[in-house]
Amino acid sequence: MKSENRLLKATSGDNMDGTLNFIPKMPYRNLVRGYKNILESIYSQKAYYERVKTLLEEYRPRLKRIERMTIGKVVALLKAIWKLGILERGKRYFWKLFFLSVFKYPRKFALSMTLAVYGFHFRRVVSRV
């Protein structure tokens, strides 16, 4: 791109604001639309929760002592349940992961809930692109 003089000097530094630091060969709208389609696809609830499920099946954490439950962790879990299990569309994927984690992977429950919250965050970021 440098040899083709397609690099732009100014950049926002925000990789989610839709701006580019280069001049694309394809129309800008097509490139951004394709990028958004990819993000919406990989962070859709169905696809995202399937990947989390696969991680739970395959991930073998080192044995370590069980972390203590704190009031802060309980509050965070209740907020996640409220937002992801009650308010958000597609809540069935959250509940499938929730019960899978509780009954099949209880030692990975905290990880599964953390990843569920990450997915929620990613979906919010993608909706702003």
N, C-alpha and C. Protein backbone atom coordinates (compact mmCIF):
# COMPACT_ATOMS: atom_id res chain seq x y z
N MET A 1 0.82 -1.19 0.00
CA MET A 1 0.00 0.00 0.00
C MET A 1 0.87 1.26 0.00
N LYS A 2 1.98 1.17 0.69
CA LYS A 2 2.88 2.33 0.72
C LYS A 2 3.39 2.65 -0.68
N SER A 3 3.81 1.62 -1.40
CA SER A 3 4.32 1.85 -2.75
C SER A 3 3.23 2.35 -3.70
N GLU A 4 1.99 2.04 -3.39
CA GLU A 4 0.86 2.50 -4.20
C GLU A 4 0.32 3.83 -3.71
N ASN A 5 0.95 4.38 -2.66
CA ASN A 5 0.55 5.67 -2.09
C ASN A 5 -0.91 5.65 -1.60
N ARG A 6 -1.29 4.53 -0.96
CA ARG A 6 -2.66 4.40 -0.46
C ARG A 6 -2.76 4.50 1.05
N LEU A 7 -1.65 4.71 1.75
CA LEU A 7 -1.68 4.88 3.20
C LEU A 7 -2.03 6.32 3.54
N LEU A 8 -2.92 6.49 4.49
CA LEU A 8 -3.30 7.82 4.94
C LEU A 8 -2.50 8.19 6.19
N LYS A 9 -2.17 9.42 6.33
CA LYS A 9 -1.35 9.86 7.47
C LYS A 9 -2.19 9.99 8.75
N ALA A 10 -3.38 10.54 8.64
CA ALA A 10 -4.24 10.76 9.81
C ALA A 10 -5.08 9.52 10.08
N THR A 11 -5.17 9.15 11.34
CA THR A 11 -6.01 8.03 11.74
C THR A 11 -6.58 8.32 13.13
N SER A 12 -7.76 7.79 13.39
CA SER A 12 -8.41 8.06 14.68
C SER A 12 -7.81 7.20 15.79
N GLY A 13 -7.29 6.03 15.43
CA GLY A 13 -6.80 5.10 16.45
C GLY A 13 -7.90 4.21 17.02
N ASP A 14 -9.14 4.47 16.65
CA ASP A 14 -10.29 3.69 17.12
C ASP A 14 -10.65 2.68 16.03
N ASN A 15 -10.40 1.40 16.29
CA ASN A 15 -10.65 0.41 15.26
C ASN A 15 -12.12 0.07 15.08
N MET A 16 -13.00 0.71 15.81
CA MET A 16 -14.43 0.43 15.68
C MET A 16 -15.24 1.65 15.22
N ASP A 17 -14.57 2.70 14.76
CA ASP A 17 -15.32 3.89 14.35
C ASP A 17 -15.64 3.93 12.86
N GLY A 18 -15.20 2.91 12.13
CA GLY A 18 -15.53 2.84 10.71
C GLY A 18 -14.60 3.61 9.80
N THR A 19 -13.58 4.27 10.34
CA THR A 19 -12.64 4.99 9.50
C THR A 19 -11.50 4.07 9.10
N LEU A 20 -10.85 4.42 8.02
CA LEU A 20 -9.74 3.62 7.51
C LEU A 20 -8.46 4.44 7.54
N ASN A 21 -7.33 3.76 7.63
CA ASN A 21 -6.04 4.45 7.55
C ASN A 21 -5.38 4.17 6.20
N PHE A 22 -6.19 3.73 5.25
CA PHE A 22 -5.69 3.46 3.90
C PHE A 22 -6.81 3.72 2.90
N ILE A 23 -6.44 3.84 1.64
CA ILE A 23 -7.42 4.01 0.56
C ILE A 23 -7.68 2.63 -0.03
N PRO A 24 -8.90 2.12 0.13
CA PRO A 24 -9.18 0.77 -0.37
C PRO A 24 -9.33 0.75 -1.89
N LYS A 25 -9.12 -0.43 -2.46
CA LYS A 25 -9.31 -0.59 -3.90
C LYS A 25 -10.79 -0.78 -4.23
N MET A 26 -11.53 -1.33 -3.29
CA MET A 26 -12.97 -1.51 -3.50
C MET A 26 -13.70 -0.28 -2.95
N PRO A 27 -14.94 -0.07 -3.32
CA PRO A 27 -15.67 1.07 -2.77
C PRO A 27 -15.75 0.99 -1.24
N TYR A 28 -15.55 2.14 -0.61
CA TYR A 28 -15.53 2.24 0.85
C TYR A 28 -16.78 1.63 1.47
N ARG A 29 -17.94 1.97 0.95
CA ARG A 29 -19.20 1.45 1.51
C ARG A 29 -19.25 -0.07 1.48
N ASN A 30 -18.80 -0.67 0.39
CA ASN A 30 -18.80 -2.13 0.28
C ASN A 30 -17.88 -2.75 1.32
N LEU A 31 -16.70 -2.16 1.50
CA LEU A 31 -15.74 -2.68 2.47
C LEU A 31 -16.30 -2.61 3.88
N VAL A 32 -16.84 -1.47 4.25
CA VAL A 32 -17.38 -1.28 5.60
C VAL A 32 -18.61 -2.16 5.81
N ARG A 33 -19.46 -2.27 4.81
CA ARG A 33 -20.65 -3.12 4.92
C ARG A 33 -20.23 -4.58 5.12
N GLY A 34 -19.22 -5.04 4.37
CA GLY A 34 -18.73 -6.40 4.52
C GLY A 34 -18.13 -6.64 5.89
N TYR A 35 -17.37 -5.66 6.38
CA TYR A 35 -16.76 -5.76 7.71
C TYR A 35 -17.85 -5.86 8.78
N LYS A 36 -18.87 -5.02 8.65
CA LYS A 36 -19.96 -5.05 9.63
C LYS A 36 -20.70 -6.39 9.57
N ASN A 37 -20.90 -6.92 8.38
CA ASN A 37 -21.57 -8.22 8.24
C ASN A 37 -20.77 -9.32 8.93
N ILE A 38 -19.45 -9.28 8.77
CA ILE A 38 -18.61 -10.28 9.44
C ILE A 38 -18.75 -10.16 10.95
N LEU A 39 -18.65 -8.93 11.47
CA LEU A 39 -18.76 -8.72 12.92
C LEU A 39 -20.11 -9.16 13.46
N GLU A 40 -21.17 -8.80 12.73
CA GLU A 40 -22.52 -9.20 13.18
C GLU A 40 -22.66 -10.72 13.17
N SER A 41 -22.02 -11.36 12.21
CA SER A 41 -22.10 -12.81 12.12
C SER A 41 -21.34 -13.49 13.26
N ILE A 42 -20.09 -13.10 13.48
CA ILE A 42 -19.29 -13.80 14.49
C ILE A 42 -19.73 -13.47 15.91
N TYR A 43 -20.35 -12.30 16.10
CA TYR A 43 -20.82 -11.95 17.44
C TYR A 43 -22.31 -12.13 17.63
N SER A 44 -22.98 -12.74 16.65
CA SER A 44 -24.40 -13.06 16.85
C SER A 44 -24.47 -14.01 18.04
N GLN A 45 -25.56 -13.96 18.75
CA GLN A 45 -25.66 -14.78 19.96
C GLN A 45 -25.48 -16.26 19.66
N LYS A 46 -26.12 -16.75 18.63
CA LYS A 46 -26.03 -18.17 18.32
C LYS A 46 -24.58 -18.58 18.06
N ALA A 47 -23.90 -17.87 17.18
CA ALA A 47 -22.52 -18.22 16.83
C ALA A 47 -21.58 -18.03 18.01
N TYR A 48 -21.74 -16.93 18.72
CA TYR A 48 -20.84 -16.64 19.84
C TYR A 48 -20.99 -17.67 20.96
N TYR A 49 -22.23 -17.96 21.35
CA TYR A 49 -22.45 -18.92 22.43
C TYR A 49 -22.01 -20.34 22.01
N GLU A 50 -22.11 -20.67 20.73
CA GLU A 50 -21.60 -21.96 20.27
C GLU A 50 -20.09 -22.04 20.46
N ARG A 51 -19.39 -20.94 20.18
CA ARG A 51 -17.94 -20.95 20.38
C ARG A 51 -17.59 -21.06 21.86
N VAL A 52 -18.37 -20.40 22.70
CA VAL A 52 -18.12 -20.51 24.15
C VAL A 52 -18.36 -21.95 24.60
N LYS A 53 -19.41 -22.56 24.09
CA LYS A 53 -19.70 -23.96 24.43
C LYS A 53 -18.54 -24.86 24.01
N THR A 54 -18.01 -24.65 22.82
CA THR A 54 -16.87 -25.43 22.34
C THR A 54 -15.66 -25.23 23.25
N LEU A 55 -15.43 -23.99 23.66
CA LEU A 55 -14.32 -23.71 24.57
C LEU A 55 -14.50 -24.47 25.88
N LEU A 56 -15.71 -24.45 26.42
CA LEU A 56 -15.96 -25.16 27.68
C LEU A 56 -15.70 -26.66 27.53
N GLU A 57 -16.06 -27.21 26.38
CA GLU A 57 -15.85 -28.63 26.15
C GLU A 57 -14.36 -28.98 26.06
N GLU A 58 -13.59 -28.11 25.45
CA GLU A 58 -12.20 -28.43 25.15
C GLU A 58 -11.17 -27.85 26.11
N TYR A 59 -11.51 -26.80 26.80
CA TYR A 59 -10.55 -26.13 27.68
C TYR A 59 -10.30 -26.95 28.93
N ARG A 60 -9.06 -27.18 29.23
CA ARG A 60 -8.65 -27.93 30.42
C ARG A 60 -7.80 -27.02 31.30
N PRO A 61 -8.44 -26.30 32.21
CA PRO A 61 -7.66 -25.38 33.06
C PRO A 61 -6.78 -26.16 34.02
N ARG A 62 -5.70 -25.54 34.40
CA ARG A 62 -4.86 -26.15 35.44
C ARG A 62 -5.67 -26.23 36.71
N LEU A 63 -5.41 -27.25 37.46
CA LEU A 63 -6.11 -27.38 38.72
C LEU A 63 -5.68 -26.26 39.66
N LYS A 64 -6.64 -25.60 40.20
CA LYS A 64 -6.35 -24.56 41.18
C LYS A 64 -7.49 -24.53 42.17
N ARG A 65 -7.24 -23.87 43.25
CA ARG A 65 -8.29 -23.83 44.26
C ARG A 65 -9.48 -23.02 43.77
N ILE A 66 -10.62 -23.35 44.27
CA ILE A 66 -11.84 -22.67 43.89
C ILE A 66 -11.85 -21.27 44.51
N GLU A 67 -12.18 -20.29 43.68
CA GLU A 67 -12.22 -18.92 44.17
C GLU A 67 -13.41 -18.72 45.09
N ARG A 68 -13.20 -17.86 46.06
CA ARG A 68 -14.29 -17.54 47.00
C ARG A 68 -15.32 -16.65 46.32
N MET A 69 -16.55 -16.87 46.69
CA MET A 69 -17.63 -16.04 46.19
C MET A 69 -17.68 -14.77 47.04
N THR A 70 -17.67 -13.64 46.39
CA THR A 70 -17.74 -12.37 47.10
C THR A 70 -19.06 -11.69 46.75
N ILE A 71 -19.41 -10.69 47.51
CA ILE A 71 -20.65 -9.95 47.25
C ILE A 71 -20.58 -9.29 45.88
N GLY A 72 -19.40 -8.81 45.51
CA GLY A 72 -19.23 -8.18 44.20
C GLY A 72 -19.48 -9.15 43.07
N LYS A 73 -19.02 -10.39 43.23
CA LYS A 73 -19.24 -11.41 42.20
C LYS A 73 -20.71 -11.80 42.11
N VAL A 74 -21.38 -11.85 43.24
CA VAL A 74 -22.82 -12.15 43.25
C VAL A 74 -23.58 -11.05 42.53
N VAL A 75 -23.23 -9.80 42.83
CA VAL A 75 -23.89 -8.66 42.17
C VAL A 75 -23.65 -8.70 40.67
N ALA A 76 -22.40 -8.98 40.26
CA ALA A 76 -22.09 -9.06 38.83
C ALA A 76 -22.90 -10.17 38.16
N LEU A 77 -23.02 -11.32 38.81
CA LEU A 77 -23.80 -12.42 38.26
C LEU A 77 -25.27 -12.03 38.13
N LEU A 78 -25.81 -11.39 39.14
CA LEU A 78 -27.22 -10.97 39.07
C LEU A 78 -27.44 -9.95 37.95
N LYS A 79 -26.49 -9.04 37.76
CA LYS A 79 -26.60 -8.07 36.66
C LYS A 79 -26.55 -8.79 35.31
N ALA A 80 -25.66 -9.78 35.20
CA ALA A 80 -25.56 -10.54 33.95
C ALA A 80 -26.86 -11.28 33.69
N ILE A 81 -27.41 -11.91 34.72
CA ILE A 81 -28.68 -12.63 34.57
C ILE A 81 -29.78 -11.67 34.13
N TRP A 82 -29.83 -10.50 34.75
CA TRP A 82 -30.86 -9.51 34.41
C TRP A 82 -30.72 -9.06 32.96
N LYS A 83 -29.50 -8.64 32.58
CA LYS A 83 -29.32 -8.09 31.23
C LYS A 83 -29.36 -9.16 30.15
N LEU A 84 -28.65 -10.26 30.36
CA LEU A 84 -28.51 -11.27 29.32
C LEU A 84 -29.63 -12.32 29.35
N GLY A 85 -30.14 -12.60 30.53
CA GLY A 85 -31.14 -13.65 30.65
C GLY A 85 -32.57 -13.16 30.68
N ILE A 86 -32.76 -11.86 30.87
CA ILE A 86 -34.13 -11.33 30.94
C ILE A 86 -34.37 -10.25 29.90
N LEU A 87 -33.48 -9.25 29.83
CA LEU A 87 -33.72 -8.11 28.95
C LEU A 87 -33.33 -8.34 27.49
N GLU A 88 -32.21 -9.03 27.26
CA GLU A 88 -31.66 -9.12 25.91
C GLU A 88 -32.45 -10.09 25.04
N ARG A 89 -32.57 -9.71 23.75
CA ARG A 89 -33.15 -10.62 22.78
C ARG A 89 -32.25 -11.84 22.66
N GLY A 90 -32.79 -12.97 22.34
CA GLY A 90 -31.98 -14.17 22.19
C GLY A 90 -31.50 -14.72 23.51
N LYS A 91 -32.24 -14.43 24.57
CA LYS A 91 -31.84 -14.87 25.92
C LYS A 91 -31.75 -16.38 26.05
N ARG A 92 -32.41 -17.10 25.15
CA ARG A 92 -32.37 -18.56 25.25
C ARG A 92 -30.94 -19.09 25.13
N TYR A 93 -30.10 -18.41 24.34
CA TYR A 93 -28.71 -18.85 24.21
C TYR A 93 -27.96 -18.66 25.52
N PHE A 94 -28.26 -17.57 26.22
CA PHE A 94 -27.64 -17.34 27.53
C PHE A 94 -28.05 -18.45 28.50
N TRP A 95 -29.35 -18.75 28.54
CA TRP A 95 -29.83 -19.75 29.49
C TRP A 95 -29.30 -21.14 29.17
N LYS A 96 -29.15 -21.47 27.90
CA LYS A 96 -28.55 -22.76 27.53
C LYS A 96 -27.13 -22.83 28.07
N LEU A 97 -26.37 -21.75 27.89
CA LEU A 97 -25.00 -21.72 28.39
C LEU A 97 -24.98 -21.77 29.91
N PHE A 98 -25.87 -21.03 30.53
CA PHE A 98 -25.95 -20.97 31.98
C PHE A 98 -26.13 -22.38 32.56
N PHE A 99 -27.14 -23.09 32.07
CA PHE A 99 -27.44 -24.42 32.62
C PHE A 99 -26.40 -25.46 32.21
N LEU A 100 -25.87 -25.34 31.01
CA LEU A 100 -24.78 -26.24 30.61
C LEU A 100 -23.60 -26.07 31.56
N SER A 101 -23.28 -24.82 31.88
CA SER A 101 -22.16 -24.54 32.78
C SER A 101 -22.42 -25.06 34.19
N VAL A 102 -23.61 -24.83 34.68
CA VAL A 102 -23.94 -25.24 36.04
C VAL A 102 -23.88 -26.76 36.18
N PHE A 103 -24.46 -27.49 35.23
CA PHE A 103 -24.58 -28.93 35.39
C PHE A 103 -23.44 -29.75 34.78
N LYS A 104 -22.86 -29.27 33.70
CA LYS A 104 -21.82 -30.07 33.04
C LYS A 104 -20.41 -29.56 33.32
N TYR A 105 -20.26 -28.24 33.48
CA TYR A 105 -18.93 -27.64 33.69
C TYR A 105 -18.94 -26.69 34.88
N PRO A 106 -19.31 -27.15 36.06
CA PRO A 106 -19.44 -26.22 37.19
C PRO A 106 -18.13 -25.49 37.54
N ARG A 107 -16.99 -26.12 37.32
CA ARG A 107 -15.71 -25.45 37.61
C ARG A 107 -15.41 -24.35 36.60
N LYS A 108 -16.10 -24.36 35.48
CA LYS A 108 -15.91 -23.35 34.44
C LYS A 108 -17.06 -22.35 34.40
N PHE A 109 -17.91 -22.39 35.41
CA PHE A 109 -19.08 -21.52 35.42
C PHE A 109 -18.69 -20.04 35.38
N ALA A 110 -17.75 -19.64 36.20
CA ALA A 110 -17.33 -18.23 36.22
C ALA A 110 -16.79 -17.81 34.86
N LEU A 111 -16.00 -18.67 34.25
CA LEU A 111 -15.47 -18.38 32.92
C LEU A 111 -16.60 -18.22 31.91
N SER A 112 -17.58 -19.11 31.95
CA SER A 112 -18.68 -19.04 30.99
C SER A 112 -19.48 -17.75 31.15
N MET A 113 -19.70 -17.32 32.38
CA MET A 113 -20.45 -16.09 32.60
C MET A 113 -19.62 -14.87 32.20
N THR A 114 -18.33 -14.92 32.43
CA THR A 114 -17.45 -13.83 31.98
C THR A 114 -17.50 -13.71 30.47
N LEU A 115 -17.41 -14.83 29.78
CA LEU A 115 -17.45 -14.81 28.32
C LEU A 115 -18.82 -14.37 27.80
N ALA A 116 -19.88 -14.72 28.50
CA ALA A 116 -21.22 -14.26 28.11
C ALA A 116 -21.29 -12.73 28.17
N VAL A 117 -20.72 -12.16 29.22
CA VAL A 117 -20.70 -10.70 29.36
C VAL A 117 -19.84 -10.08 28.26
N TYR A 118 -18.70 -10.70 27.94
CA TYR A 118 -17.86 -10.20 26.85
C TYR A 118 -18.65 -10.18 25.54
N GLY A 119 -19.40 -11.24 25.28
CA GLY A 119 -20.21 -11.30 24.07
C GLY A 119 -21.23 -10.16 24.02
N PHE A 120 -21.85 -9.88 25.16
CA PHE A 120 -22.79 -8.76 25.25
C PHE A 120 -22.08 -7.46 24.87
N HIS A 121 -20.89 -7.27 25.42
CA HIS A 121 -20.11 -6.07 25.12
C HIS A 121 -19.79 -6.00 23.62
N PHE A 122 -19.33 -7.11 23.04
CA PHE A 122 -18.99 -7.11 21.62
C PHE A 122 -20.20 -6.78 20.76
N ARG A 123 -21.37 -7.31 21.12
CA ARG A 123 -22.58 -7.01 20.35
C ARG A 123 -22.94 -5.53 20.42
N ARG A 124 -22.71 -4.91 21.57
CA ARG A 124 -22.97 -3.47 21.71
C ARG A 124 -21.99 -2.65 20.87
N VAL A 125 -20.73 -3.05 20.86
CA VAL A 125 -19.74 -2.35 20.05
C VAL A 125 -20.08 -2.48 18.57
N VAL A 126 -20.43 -3.68 18.13
CA VAL A 126 -20.76 -3.91 16.73
C VAL A 126 -21.97 -3.09 16.32
N SER A 127 -22.94 -2.94 17.21
CA SER A 127 -24.14 -2.17 16.86
C SER A 127 -23.83 -0.70 16.61
N ARG A 128 -22.68 -0.22 17.11
CA ARG A 128 -22.30 1.17 16.91
C ARG A 128 -21.47 1.40 15.67
N VAL A 129 -20.99 0.30 15.03
CA VAL A 129 -20.15 0.46 13.84
C VAL A 129 -21.00 0.97 12.69
